Amino acid sequence: MTVDERLEKLLERHEALTQTVEMIGHRVEDLTLIVTDLAKTQARLDNRIDRLYNVTLKIGADFYTRLLKLEKDSGA
């Protein structure tokens, strides 16, 4: 294999690697956007879960208060 042939092969490899790195870079950008959207969605879900948890606690406290009142009113 001549020096020119070896140089040509190296240039082909370099071009292939350059294209691969560019494709990976674009894919990373796409995945970054997807992860950002997922993080925003997760934050919204966390907020909804917190609100649901707080409402559930309030309902439980209300039921407990009503139960105590019923027990008091019934003389138990």
N, C-alpha and C. Protein backbone atom coordinates (compact mmCIF):
# COMPACT_ATOMS: atom_id res chain seq x y z
N MET A 1 0.86 -1.17 0.00
CA MET A 1 0.00 0.00 0.00
C MET A 1 0.91 1.24 0.00
N THR A 2 0.61 2.14 -0.91
CA THR A 2 1.45 3.33 -1.04
C THR A 2 1.05 4.37 0.00
N VAL A 3 1.90 5.36 0.15
CA VAL A 3 1.63 6.45 1.09
C VAL A 3 0.35 7.18 0.69
N ASP A 4 0.17 7.38 -0.61
CA ASP A 4 -1.04 8.06 -1.09
C ASP A 4 -2.30 7.25 -0.76
N GLU A 5 -2.22 5.94 -0.90
CA GLU A 5 -3.37 5.08 -0.59
C GLU A 5 -3.67 5.14 0.92
N ARG A 6 -2.62 5.10 1.71
CA ARG A 6 -2.81 5.17 3.16
C ARG A 6 -3.41 6.51 3.56
N LEU A 7 -2.93 7.56 2.94
CA LEU A 7 -3.45 8.89 3.22
C LEU A 7 -4.93 8.98 2.82
N GLU A 8 -5.28 8.41 1.69
CA GLU A 8 -6.67 8.40 1.23
C GLU A 8 -7.57 7.66 2.23
N LYS A 9 -7.10 6.51 2.71
CA LYS A 9 -7.87 5.75 3.70
C LYS A 9 -8.04 6.55 4.99
N LEU A 10 -6.99 7.20 5.43
CA LEU A 10 -7.08 8.03 6.63
C LEU A 10 -8.08 9.17 6.45
N LEU A 11 -8.07 9.78 5.28
CA LEU A 11 -9.03 10.85 5.01
C LEU A 11 -10.46 10.33 5.02
N GLU A 12 -10.67 9.14 4.47
CA GLU A 12 -12.01 8.52 4.47
C GLU A 12 -12.46 8.25 5.91
N ARG A 13 -11.56 7.71 6.70
CA ARG A 13 -11.88 7.44 8.11
C ARG A 13 -12.19 8.74 8.86
N HIS A 14 -11.38 9.75 8.59
CA HIS A 14 -11.59 11.05 9.25
C HIS A 14 -12.97 11.60 8.91
N GLU A 15 -13.33 11.52 7.64
CA GLU A 15 -14.64 12.02 7.21
C GLU A 15 -15.77 11.22 7.86
N ALA A 16 -15.62 9.92 7.91
CA ALA A 16 -16.64 9.08 8.54
C ALA A 16 -16.77 9.41 10.03
N LEU A 17 -15.65 9.58 10.70
CA LEU A 17 -15.68 9.94 12.12
C LEU A 17 -16.31 11.31 12.34
N THR A 18 -15.97 12.25 11.45
CA THR A 18 -16.55 13.59 11.56
C THR A 18 -18.07 13.54 11.42
N GLN A 19 -18.55 12.78 10.45
CA GLN A 19 -20.00 12.64 10.26
C GLN A 19 -20.65 11.97 11.48
N THR A 20 -20.00 10.96 12.02
CA THR A 20 -20.53 10.27 13.19
C THR A 20 -20.63 11.21 14.38
N VAL A 21 -19.59 11.99 14.61
CA VAL A 21 -19.59 12.94 15.72
C VAL A 21 -20.68 13.98 15.53
N GLU A 22 -20.88 14.45 14.30
CA GLU A 22 -21.95 15.41 14.04
C GLU A 22 -23.32 14.80 14.32
N MET A 23 -23.53 13.55 13.88
CA MET A 23 -24.81 12.88 14.13
C MET A 23 -25.04 12.70 15.63
N ILE A 24 -23.99 12.31 16.35
CA ILE A 24 -24.11 12.14 17.80
C ILE A 24 -24.43 13.47 18.45
N GLY A 25 -23.80 14.54 17.99
CA GLY A 25 -24.08 15.87 18.54
C GLY A 25 -25.53 16.27 18.35
N HIS A 26 -26.07 16.01 17.17
CA HIS A 26 -27.49 16.32 16.91
C HIS A 26 -28.40 15.47 17.79
N ARG A 27 -28.03 14.22 17.94
CA ARG A 27 -28.85 13.32 18.77
C ARG A 27 -28.83 13.77 20.23
N VAL A 28 -27.68 14.20 20.70
CA VAL A 28 -27.56 14.69 22.08
C VAL A 28 -28.45 15.92 22.26
N GLU A 29 -28.46 16.81 21.28
CA GLU A 29 -29.33 17.99 21.35
C GLU A 29 -30.79 17.57 21.44
N ASP A 30 -31.19 16.62 20.59
CA ASP A 30 -32.57 16.12 20.62
C ASP A 30 -32.92 15.51 21.98
N LEU A 31 -32.01 14.69 22.48
CA LEU A 31 -32.26 14.04 23.77
C LEU A 31 -32.29 15.05 24.91
N THR A 32 -31.49 16.09 24.82
CA THR A 32 -31.49 17.13 25.84
C THR A 32 -32.86 17.81 25.89
N LEU A 33 -33.44 18.08 24.73
CA LEU A 33 -34.78 18.68 24.69
C LEU A 33 -35.82 17.73 25.30
N ILE A 34 -35.70 16.46 24.98
CA ILE A 34 -36.65 15.47 25.51
C ILE A 34 -36.54 15.40 27.03
N VAL A 35 -35.31 15.34 27.55
CA VAL A 35 -35.11 15.26 29.00
C VAL A 35 -35.62 16.52 29.68
N THR A 36 -35.41 17.67 29.06
CA THR A 36 -35.91 18.93 29.62
C THR A 36 -37.43 18.90 29.71
N ASP A 37 -38.09 18.44 28.65
CA ASP A 37 -39.55 18.32 28.67
C ASP A 37 -40.01 17.33 29.75
N LEU A 38 -39.31 16.22 29.87
CA LEU A 38 -39.66 15.24 30.90
C LEU A 38 -39.51 15.81 32.30
N ALA A 39 -38.47 16.59 32.51
CA ALA A 39 -38.24 17.20 33.83
C ALA A 39 -39.37 18.19 34.15
N LYS A 40 -39.80 18.96 33.15
CA LYS A 40 -40.91 19.90 33.37
C LYS A 40 -42.19 19.15 33.68
N THR A 41 -42.44 18.08 32.95
CA THR A 41 -43.63 17.26 33.20
C THR A 41 -43.58 16.65 34.60
N GLN A 42 -42.41 16.15 34.98
CA GLN A 42 -42.27 15.56 36.31
C GLN A 42 -42.51 16.60 37.39
N ALA A 43 -42.03 17.81 37.20
CA ALA A 43 -42.24 18.87 38.18
C ALA A 43 -43.74 19.17 38.32
N ARG A 44 -44.46 19.20 37.19
CA ARG A 44 -45.91 19.44 37.26
C ARG A 44 -46.61 18.29 37.99
N LEU A 45 -46.19 17.06 37.70
CA LEU A 45 -46.79 15.91 38.38
C LEU A 45 -46.49 15.93 39.88
N ASP A 46 -45.26 16.29 40.23
CA ASP A 46 -44.90 16.40 41.65
C ASP A 46 -45.79 17.42 42.35
N ASN A 47 -46.04 18.53 41.68
CA ASN A 47 -46.90 19.57 42.24
C ASN A 47 -48.33 19.04 42.44
N ARG A 48 -48.84 18.32 41.44
CA ARG A 48 -50.19 17.75 41.57
C ARG A 48 -50.26 16.74 42.70
N ILE A 49 -49.21 15.91 42.83
CA ILE A 49 -49.19 14.92 43.91
C ILE A 49 -49.16 15.62 45.26
N ASP A 50 -48.37 16.67 45.39
CA ASP A 50 -48.32 17.43 46.65
C ASP A 50 -49.69 17.99 47.00
N ARG A 51 -50.36 18.57 46.00
CA ARG A 51 -51.70 19.13 46.26
C ARG A 51 -52.68 18.04 46.67
N LEU A 52 -52.64 16.90 45.97
CA LEU A 52 -53.52 15.79 46.30
C LEU A 52 -53.24 15.27 47.71
N TYR A 53 -51.99 15.18 48.07
CA TYR A 53 -51.59 14.74 49.40
C TYR A 53 -52.15 15.69 50.46
N ASN A 54 -51.99 16.99 50.23
CA ASN A 54 -52.48 17.98 51.19
C ASN A 54 -54.00 17.95 51.31
N VAL A 55 -54.69 17.78 50.19
CA VAL A 55 -56.16 17.67 50.24
C VAL A 55 -56.56 16.41 51.00
N THR A 56 -55.85 15.32 50.77
CA THR A 56 -56.15 14.07 51.48
C THR A 56 -55.95 14.24 52.98
N LEU A 57 -54.88 14.91 53.37
CA LEU A 57 -54.65 15.18 54.79
C LEU A 57 -55.78 16.02 55.38
N LYS A 58 -56.23 17.02 54.64
CA LYS A 58 -57.31 17.89 55.11
C LYS A 58 -58.60 17.10 55.27
N ILE A 59 -58.91 16.25 54.30
CA ILE A 59 -60.11 15.42 54.39
C ILE A 59 -60.02 14.50 55.61
N GLY A 60 -58.86 13.90 55.81
CA GLY A 60 -58.67 13.04 56.98
C GLY A 60 -58.85 13.80 58.28
N ALA A 61 -58.30 14.99 58.35
CA ALA A 61 -58.46 15.81 59.56
C ALA A 61 -59.91 16.19 59.77
N ASP A 62 -60.61 16.53 58.69
CA ASP A 62 -62.04 16.86 58.80
C ASP A 62 -62.84 15.66 59.31
N PHE A 63 -62.57 14.49 58.77
CA PHE A 63 -63.28 13.29 59.24
C PHE A 63 -62.98 13.02 60.71
N TYR A 64 -61.74 13.20 61.10
CA TYR A 64 -61.37 12.98 62.49
C TYR A 64 -62.11 13.96 63.41
N THR A 65 -62.17 15.21 62.98
CA THR A 65 -62.90 16.22 63.76
C THR A 65 -64.37 15.85 63.87
N ARG A 66 -64.97 15.43 62.78
CA ARG A 66 -66.39 15.03 62.79
C ARG A 66 -66.60 13.83 63.70
N LEU A 67 -65.68 12.88 63.64
CA LEU A 67 -65.80 11.69 64.48
C LEU A 67 -65.74 12.08 65.96
N LEU A 68 -64.79 12.93 66.32
CA LEU A 68 -64.70 13.38 67.71
C LEU A 68 -65.98 14.08 68.15
N LYS A 69 -66.54 14.90 67.25
CA LYS A 69 -67.77 15.62 67.58
C LYS A 69 -68.93 14.64 67.76
N LEU A 70 -69.01 13.64 66.87
CA LEU A 70 -70.07 12.63 66.99
C LEU A 70 -69.94 11.86 68.30
N GLU A 71 -68.70 11.49 68.64
CA GLU A 71 -68.47 10.77 69.89
C GLU A 71 -68.84 11.63 71.09
N LYS A 72 -68.50 12.89 71.04
CA LYS A 72 -68.83 13.81 72.13
C LYS A 72 -70.32 13.99 72.25
N ASP A 73 -71.00 14.17 71.09
CA ASP A 73 -72.44 14.37 71.09
C ASP A 73 -73.20 13.13 71.55
N SER A 74 -72.62 11.94 71.28
CA SER A 74 -73.30 10.71 71.66
C SER A 74 -72.97 10.30 73.09
N GLY A 75 -72.04 10.98 73.71
CA GLY A 75 -71.69 10.69 75.09
C GLY A 75 -70.71 9.54 75.24
N ALA A 76 -70.05 9.18 74.20
CA ALA A 76 -69.11 8.06 74.25
C ALA A 76 -67.79 8.45 74.86
